[in-house]
Structures are given as C-alpha cells and as structure tokens.
C-alpha cells in the first residue's frame, strides 16, 4: 500500500487561507457600513424629571452575611 505524500499539504492549506481571505475582502468591498448615529444631526440632550430619588439604597443581601432560612 503506498504512503500518503503530505509534503504539499502546508502549501495547499496556506494558499487556501490566503485565497479565502482575498475572496472575503472582495465581497466586503460591495457592502457599505452605516453608522448607528447620523453624523449630520447634533445629539439632543433633554433634561428628564425622574419620578424617583437619585440615591443608592442597599436592597440586596451582602455576600458576607449568612443565608437566612
């Protein structure tokens, strides 16, 4: 039974990766990326009155406390 010649595998795999990268780049040239926020408009900052107080309260059980059962 003949031995499998693996001497060209490195070159084949590396050329395949380069070719896939080039194909990906060519396909991405056709797509235009849009920004999430429009560049023309200035962001409007409105002051909103919140119905709650702006203070932090502890509403959780700290990790150092034993569990109450």
N, C-alpha and C. Protein backbone atom coordinates (compact mmCIF):
# COMPACT_ATOMS: atom_id res chain seq x y z
N UNK A 1 0.84 -1.16 0.00
CA UNK A 1 0.00 0.00 0.00
C UNK A 1 0.90 1.24 0.00
N UNK A 2 0.66 2.21 -0.88
CA UNK A 2 1.57 3.36 -0.98
C UNK A 2 1.37 4.34 0.18
N UNK A 3 2.44 5.02 0.53
CA UNK A 3 2.39 6.03 1.60
C UNK A 3 1.73 7.30 1.07
N UNK A 4 1.02 8.00 1.96
CA UNK A 4 0.37 9.25 1.58
C UNK A 4 1.40 10.37 1.64
N UNK A 5 1.56 11.08 0.53
CA UNK A 5 2.54 12.17 0.45
C UNK A 5 1.92 13.43 1.05
N UNK A 6 2.44 13.87 2.17
CA UNK A 6 1.90 15.06 2.85
C UNK A 6 2.82 16.26 2.72
N UNK A 7 3.79 16.22 1.84
CA UNK A 7 4.76 17.32 1.74
C UNK A 7 4.13 18.59 1.18
N UNK A 8 3.07 18.49 0.41
CA UNK A 8 2.46 19.68 -0.19
C UNK A 8 1.27 20.21 0.59
N UNK A 9 0.93 19.57 1.69
CA UNK A 9 -0.24 19.99 2.44
C UNK A 9 -0.09 21.39 3.02
N UNK A 10 1.09 21.72 3.54
CA UNK A 10 1.30 23.04 4.13
C UNK A 10 1.08 24.13 3.08
N UNK A 11 1.63 23.96 1.90
CA UNK A 11 1.47 24.96 0.84
C UNK A 11 0.01 25.03 0.39
N UNK A 12 -0.66 23.91 0.29
CA UNK A 12 -2.06 23.91 -0.15
C UNK A 12 -2.96 24.61 0.86
N UNK A 13 -2.78 24.31 2.12
CA UNK A 13 -3.62 24.90 3.16
C UNK A 13 -3.34 26.39 3.29
N UNK A 14 -2.08 26.79 3.23
CA UNK A 14 -1.76 28.21 3.36
C UNK A 14 -2.29 29.01 2.17
N UNK A 15 -2.20 28.46 0.96
CA UNK A 15 -2.75 29.16 -0.20
C UNK A 15 -4.27 29.22 -0.15
N UNK A 16 -4.90 28.19 0.40
CA UNK A 16 -6.35 28.20 0.54
C UNK A 16 -6.78 29.30 1.51
N UNK A 17 -6.06 29.47 2.62
CA UNK A 17 -6.40 30.51 3.59
C UNK A 17 -6.23 31.89 2.96
N UNK A 18 -5.16 32.10 2.21
CA UNK A 18 -4.94 33.39 1.55
C UNK A 18 -6.04 33.65 0.53
N UNK A 19 -6.43 32.63 -0.23
CA UNK A 19 -7.47 32.80 -1.24
C UNK A 19 -8.81 33.12 -0.58
N UNK A 20 -9.14 32.45 0.52
CA UNK A 20 -10.40 32.74 1.21
C UNK A 20 -10.40 34.15 1.79
N UNK A 21 -9.25 34.60 2.29
CA UNK A 21 -9.15 35.96 2.80
C UNK A 21 -9.38 36.98 1.68
N UNK A 22 -8.78 36.73 0.52
CA UNK A 22 -8.95 37.65 -0.62
C UNK A 22 -10.40 37.66 -1.10
N UNK A 23 -11.04 36.51 -1.15
CA UNK A 23 -12.44 36.45 -1.58
C UNK A 23 -13.32 37.19 -0.58
N UNK A 24 -13.04 37.01 0.70
CA UNK A 24 -13.82 37.72 1.73
C UNK A 24 -13.66 39.23 1.59
N UNK A 25 -12.43 39.69 1.35
CA UNK A 25 -12.19 41.12 1.20
C UNK A 25 -12.90 41.67 -0.03
N UNK A 26 -12.90 40.93 -1.12
CA UNK A 26 -13.58 41.39 -2.32
C UNK A 26 -15.09 41.45 -2.12
N UNK A 27 -15.64 40.52 -1.37
CA UNK A 27 -17.08 40.55 -1.11
C UNK A 27 -17.44 41.70 -0.17
N UNK A 28 -16.56 42.04 0.75
CA UNK A 28 -16.85 43.12 1.68
C UNK A 28 -16.73 44.48 1.02
N UNK A 29 -16.09 44.59 -0.12
CA UNK A 29 -16.00 45.87 -0.83
C UNK A 29 -17.36 46.33 -1.31
N UNK A 30 -18.28 45.41 -1.58
CA UNK A 30 -19.59 45.75 -2.10
C UNK A 30 -20.54 46.27 -1.02
N UNK A 31 -20.21 46.05 0.23
CA UNK A 31 -21.10 46.45 1.33
C UNK A 31 -20.67 47.80 1.87
N UNK A 32 -21.64 48.64 2.12
CA UNK A 32 -21.34 49.92 2.75
C UNK A 32 -21.77 49.85 4.21
N UNK A 33 -20.90 50.27 5.08
CA UNK A 33 -21.18 50.25 6.51
C UNK A 33 -21.85 51.56 6.89
N UNK A 34 -22.97 51.48 7.57
CA UNK A 34 -23.67 52.68 8.00
C UNK A 34 -23.42 52.90 9.48
N UNK A 35 -23.35 54.15 9.84
CA UNK A 35 -23.14 54.46 11.25
C UNK A 35 -24.48 54.39 11.99
N UNK A 36 -24.41 54.14 13.27
CA UNK A 36 -25.62 54.00 14.07
C UNK A 36 -26.27 55.37 14.28
N UNK A 37 -25.46 56.37 14.59
CA UNK A 37 -26.00 57.72 14.77
C UNK A 37 -25.67 58.56 13.54
N UNK A 38 -26.60 59.34 13.06
CA UNK A 38 -26.30 60.18 11.90
C UNK A 38 -25.27 61.24 12.24
N UNK A 39 -24.38 61.52 11.32
CA UNK A 39 -23.31 62.49 11.55
C UNK A 39 -23.82 63.92 11.39
N UNK A 40 -24.94 64.12 10.68
CA UNK A 40 -25.43 65.47 10.40
C UNK A 40 -26.07 66.11 11.62
N UNK A 41 -26.80 65.34 12.38
CA UNK A 41 -27.58 65.89 13.48
C UNK A 41 -26.76 65.93 14.77
N UNK A 42 -27.01 66.96 15.55
CA UNK A 42 -26.39 67.05 16.86
C UNK A 42 -27.26 66.28 17.85
N UNK A 43 -26.66 65.59 18.79
CA UNK A 43 -27.49 64.88 19.77
C UNK A 43 -28.22 65.87 20.67
N UNK A 44 -29.49 65.61 20.87
CA UNK A 44 -30.31 66.48 21.70
C UNK A 44 -30.35 65.93 23.12
N UNK A 45 -29.92 66.76 24.07
CA UNK A 45 -29.92 66.34 25.47
C UNK A 45 -31.06 67.08 26.18
N UNK A 46 -32.08 66.34 26.52
CA UNK A 46 -33.21 66.91 27.24
C UNK A 46 -33.12 66.51 28.70
N UNK A 47 -33.42 67.44 29.54
CA UNK A 47 -33.45 67.16 30.96
C UNK A 47 -34.77 66.48 31.28
N UNK A 48 -34.70 65.26 31.79
CA UNK A 48 -35.90 64.50 32.10
C UNK A 48 -36.05 64.44 33.62
N UNK A 49 -37.24 64.77 34.09
CA UNK A 49 -37.53 64.69 35.51
C UNK A 49 -37.85 63.25 35.86
N UNK A 50 -37.06 62.66 36.75
CA UNK A 50 -37.27 61.28 37.15
C UNK A 50 -38.22 61.23 38.34
N UNK A 51 -39.12 60.25 38.35
CA UNK A 51 -40.09 60.18 39.46
C UNK A 51 -39.52 59.59 40.74
N UNK A 52 -38.26 59.21 40.74
CA UNK A 52 -37.68 58.61 41.93
C UNK A 52 -36.47 59.44 42.37
N UNK A 53 -36.02 59.18 43.59
CA UNK A 53 -34.87 59.89 44.13
C UNK A 53 -33.59 59.32 43.52
N UNK A 54 -32.61 60.19 43.38
CA UNK A 54 -31.33 59.76 42.83
C UNK A 54 -30.39 59.41 43.97
N UNK A 55 -30.66 58.33 44.67
CA UNK A 55 -29.76 57.88 45.72
C UNK A 55 -29.70 56.36 45.69
N UNK A 56 -28.61 55.84 46.14
CA UNK A 56 -28.41 54.40 46.16
C UNK A 56 -28.90 53.84 47.48
N UNK A 57 -29.60 52.75 47.41
CA UNK A 57 -30.02 52.06 48.63
C UNK A 57 -29.61 50.61 48.53
N UNK A 58 -29.34 50.02 49.67
CA UNK A 58 -28.97 48.60 49.68
C UNK A 58 -30.23 47.76 49.72
N UNK A 59 -30.48 47.07 48.63
CA UNK A 59 -31.66 46.21 48.58
C UNK A 59 -31.26 44.76 48.36
N UNK A 60 -30.01 44.45 48.60
CA UNK A 60 -29.52 43.11 48.36
C UNK A 60 -28.89 42.56 49.64
N UNK A 61 -28.77 41.26 49.68
CA UNK A 61 -28.13 40.61 50.80
C UNK A 61 -26.62 40.56 50.53
N UNK A 62 -25.80 41.14 51.37
CA UNK A 62 -24.36 41.11 51.12
C UNK A 62 -23.82 39.67 51.15
N UNK A 63 -22.75 39.45 50.44
CA UNK A 63 -22.17 38.11 50.34
C UNK A 63 -21.62 37.60 51.66
N UNK A 64 -21.25 38.51 52.53
CA UNK A 64 -20.64 38.07 53.78
C UNK A 64 -21.69 37.64 54.81
N UNK A 65 -22.94 37.98 54.59
CA UNK A 65 -23.99 37.60 55.55
C UNK A 65 -24.38 36.15 55.38
N UNK A 66 -24.72 35.47 56.46
CA UNK A 66 -25.21 34.08 56.32
C UNK A 66 -26.64 34.08 55.74
N UNK A 67 -26.96 33.04 55.04
CA UNK A 67 -28.29 32.93 54.46
C UNK A 67 -29.31 32.66 55.57
N UNK A 68 -30.43 33.35 55.48
CA UNK A 68 -31.49 33.15 56.46
C UNK A 68 -32.47 32.14 55.93
N UNK A 69 -32.73 31.08 56.72
CA UNK A 69 -33.66 30.05 56.26
C UNK A 69 -34.85 29.98 57.16
